[in-house]
Amino acid sequence: MPNNNTQLHIKLDFTNLWKLLIDKQKKKEDLKRDAGISAASVARLNKGENVNTETLLRICQYLECGIADICEVKQINNNEVK
C-alpha cells in the first residue's frame, strides 16, 4: 500500500470532454448553463485541476455519456508534480 505522504504521479485529463463538446456542437457556455456547472468548475476542468464528483456526474448526464468518455488518467512527470 502506498505511503500517504507520497504525491500522486497521475492526474485526470479532460481533453476528451472538449472533443465531445465539439462533436455534439456544444460550447463551454452551453455546458455551464444547461448542466448547471459553475464558471470556476469549467476553469478548473480546462486547467486539468480537481473538480468534485457531482460536477463530473452533471456533465455526464448532460452529454449522455460515461466518465471514461470525458476524462482519462494520465501519468505526469516529476517536473509537473506540485
C-alpha atoms as a PDB file:
ATOM      1  CA  MET A   1       0.000   0.000   0.000  1.00  0.00           C
ATOM      2  CA  PRO A   2       1.424   3.422  -0.911  1.00  0.00           C
ATOM      3  CA  ASN A   3       2.607   5.792   1.774  1.00  0.00           C
ATOM      4  CA  ASN A   4       0.022   8.555   2.377  1.00  0.00           C
ATOM      5  CA  ASN A   5       2.795  11.165   2.357  1.00  0.00           C
ATOM      6  CA  THR A   6       3.782  10.481  -1.245  1.00  0.00           C
ATOM      7  CA  GLN A   7       2.380  12.612  -4.046  1.00  0.00           C
ATOM      8  CA  LEU A   8       0.300  11.181  -6.840  1.00  0.00           C
ATOM      9  CA  HIS A   9       2.012  10.988 -10.191  1.00  0.00           C
ATOM     10  CA  ILE A  10      -1.231  10.761 -12.122  1.00  0.00           C
ATOM     11  CA  LYS A  11      -3.965  13.235 -12.983  1.00  0.00           C
ATOM     12  CA  LEU A  12      -7.220  13.367 -14.869  1.00  0.00           C
ATOM     13  CA  ASP A  13      -7.013  14.734 -18.392  1.00  0.00           C
ATOM     14  CA  PHE A  14     -10.232  16.274 -19.738  1.00  0.00           C
ATOM     15  CA  THR A  15      -9.224  16.557 -23.413  1.00  0.00           C
ATOM     16  CA  ASN A  16     -11.957  14.058 -24.288  1.00  0.00           C
ATOM     17  CA  LEU A  17     -14.565  16.345 -22.714  1.00  0.00           C
ATOM     18  CA  TRP A  18     -13.637  19.216 -25.019  1.00  0.00           C
ATOM     19  CA  LYS A  19     -13.635  16.900 -28.052  1.00  0.00           C
ATOM     20  CA  LEU A  20     -17.046  15.534 -27.080  1.00  0.00           C
ATOM     21  CA  LEU A  21     -18.448  19.051 -26.740  1.00  0.00           C
ATOM     22  CA  ILE A  22     -17.220  19.832 -30.259  1.00  0.00           C
ATOM     23  CA  ASP A  23     -18.677  16.574 -31.616  1.00  0.00           C
ATOM     24  CA  LYS A  24     -22.040  17.440 -30.067  1.00  0.00           C
ATOM     25  CA  GLN A  25     -21.772  21.033 -31.339  1.00  0.00           C
ATOM     26  CA  LYS A  26     -21.845  22.418 -27.807  1.00  0.00           C
ATOM     27  CA  LYS A  27     -19.810  25.205 -26.252  1.00  0.00           C
ATOM     28  CA  LYS A  28     -18.450  25.672 -22.750  1.00  0.00           C
ATOM     29  CA  GLU A  29     -21.176  28.276 -22.223  1.00  0.00           C
ATOM     30  CA  ASP A  30     -23.793  25.614 -23.041  1.00  0.00           C
ATOM     31  CA  LEU A  31     -22.166  23.276 -20.539  1.00  0.00           C
ATOM     32  CA  LYS A  32     -22.259  25.905 -17.798  1.00  0.00           C
ATOM     33  CA  ARG A  33     -25.833  26.967 -18.472  1.00  0.00           C
ATOM     34  CA  ASP A  34     -27.504  23.662 -19.331  1.00  0.00           C
ATOM     35  CA  ALA A  35     -25.650  21.343 -16.951  1.00  0.00           C
ATOM     36  CA  GLY A  36     -25.543  23.813 -14.078  1.00  0.00           C
ATOM     37  CA  ILE A  37     -21.739  23.901 -13.932  1.00  0.00           C
ATOM     38  CA  SER A  38     -20.083  26.989 -12.453  1.00  0.00           C
ATOM     39  CA  ALA A  39     -17.588  29.065 -14.403  1.00  0.00           C
ATOM     40  CA  ALA A  40     -15.000  28.200 -11.747  1.00  0.00           C
ATOM     41  CA  SER A  41     -15.538  24.463 -12.302  1.00  0.00           C
ATOM     42  CA  VAL A  42     -15.189  24.853 -16.063  1.00  0.00           C
ATOM     43  CA  ALA A  43     -11.968  26.803 -15.500  1.00  0.00           C
ATOM     44  CA  ARG A  44     -10.639  24.016 -13.241  1.00  0.00           C
ATOM     45  CA  LEU A  45     -11.536  21.409 -15.858  1.00  0.00           C
ATOM     46  CA  ASN A  46      -9.791  23.488 -18.507  1.00  0.00           C
ATOM     47  CA  LYS A  47      -6.623  23.578 -16.373  1.00  0.00           C
ATOM     48  CA  GLY A  48      -6.853  19.868 -15.523  1.00  0.00           C
ATOM     49  CA  GLU A  49      -7.410  20.649 -11.854  1.00  0.00           C
ATOM     50  CA  ASN A  50      -9.604  18.773  -9.383  1.00  0.00           C
ATOM     51  CA  VAL A  51     -13.373  19.088  -9.570  1.00  0.00           C
ATOM     52  CA  ASN A  52     -15.908  17.339  -7.408  1.00  0.00           C
ATOM     53  CA  THR A  53     -17.644  14.139  -8.399  1.00  0.00           C
ATOM     54  CA  GLU A  54     -21.049  15.804  -8.641  1.00  0.00           C
ATOM     55  CA  THR A  55     -19.685  18.133 -11.322  1.00  0.00           C
ATOM     56  CA  LEU A  56     -18.437  15.184 -13.370  1.00  0.00           C
ATOM     57  CA  LEU A  57     -21.769  13.396 -12.981  1.00  0.00           C
ATOM     58  CA  ARG A  58     -23.694  16.501 -14.090  1.00  0.00           C
ATOM     59  CA  ILE A  59     -21.506  16.682 -17.195  1.00  0.00           C
ATOM     60  CA  CYS A  60     -22.072  13.006 -17.955  1.00  0.00           C
ATOM     61  CA  GLN A  61     -25.817  13.385 -17.531  1.00  0.00           C
ATOM     62  CA  TYR A  62     -25.863  16.462 -19.778  1.00  0.00           C
ATOM     63  CA  LEU A  63     -23.766  14.826 -22.506  1.00  0.00           C
ATOM     64  CA  GLU A  64     -25.408  11.400 -22.049  1.00  0.00           C
ATOM     65  CA  CYS A  65     -22.079   9.669 -21.606  1.00  0.00           C
ATOM     66  CA  GLY A  66     -19.913   7.905 -19.038  1.00  0.00           C
ATOM     67  CA  ILE A  67     -16.968   9.192 -17.014  1.00  0.00           C
ATOM     68  CA  ALA A  68     -14.493   7.429 -19.314  1.00  0.00           C
ATOM     69  CA  ASP A  69     -15.930   9.404 -22.241  1.00  0.00           C
ATOM     70  CA  ILE A  70     -14.919  12.752 -20.719  1.00  0.00           C
ATOM     71  CA  CYS A  71     -11.634  12.061 -18.960  1.00  0.00           C
ATOM     72  CA  GLU A  72      -8.728   9.689 -18.677  1.00  0.00           C
ATOM     73  CA  VAL A  73      -5.964   9.072 -16.180  1.00  0.00           C
ATOM     74  CA  LYS A  74      -2.562  10.329 -17.341  1.00  0.00           C
ATOM     75  CA  GLN A  75       0.887   9.841 -15.867  1.00  0.00           C
ATOM     76  CA  ILE A  76       2.676  13.065 -15.044  1.00  0.00           C
ATOM     77  CA  ASN A  77       6.405  13.522 -14.904  1.00  0.00           C
ATOM     78  CA  ASN A  78       8.274  14.710 -11.822  1.00  0.00           C
ATOM     79  CA  ASN A  79       8.550  18.277 -13.187  1.00  0.00           C
ATOM     80  CA  GLU A  80       4.742  18.597 -13.176  1.00  0.00           C
ATOM     81  CA  VAL A  81       4.242  17.336  -9.605  1.00  0.00           C
ATOM     82  CA  LYS A  82       3.327  20.211  -7.275  1.00  0.00           C
END
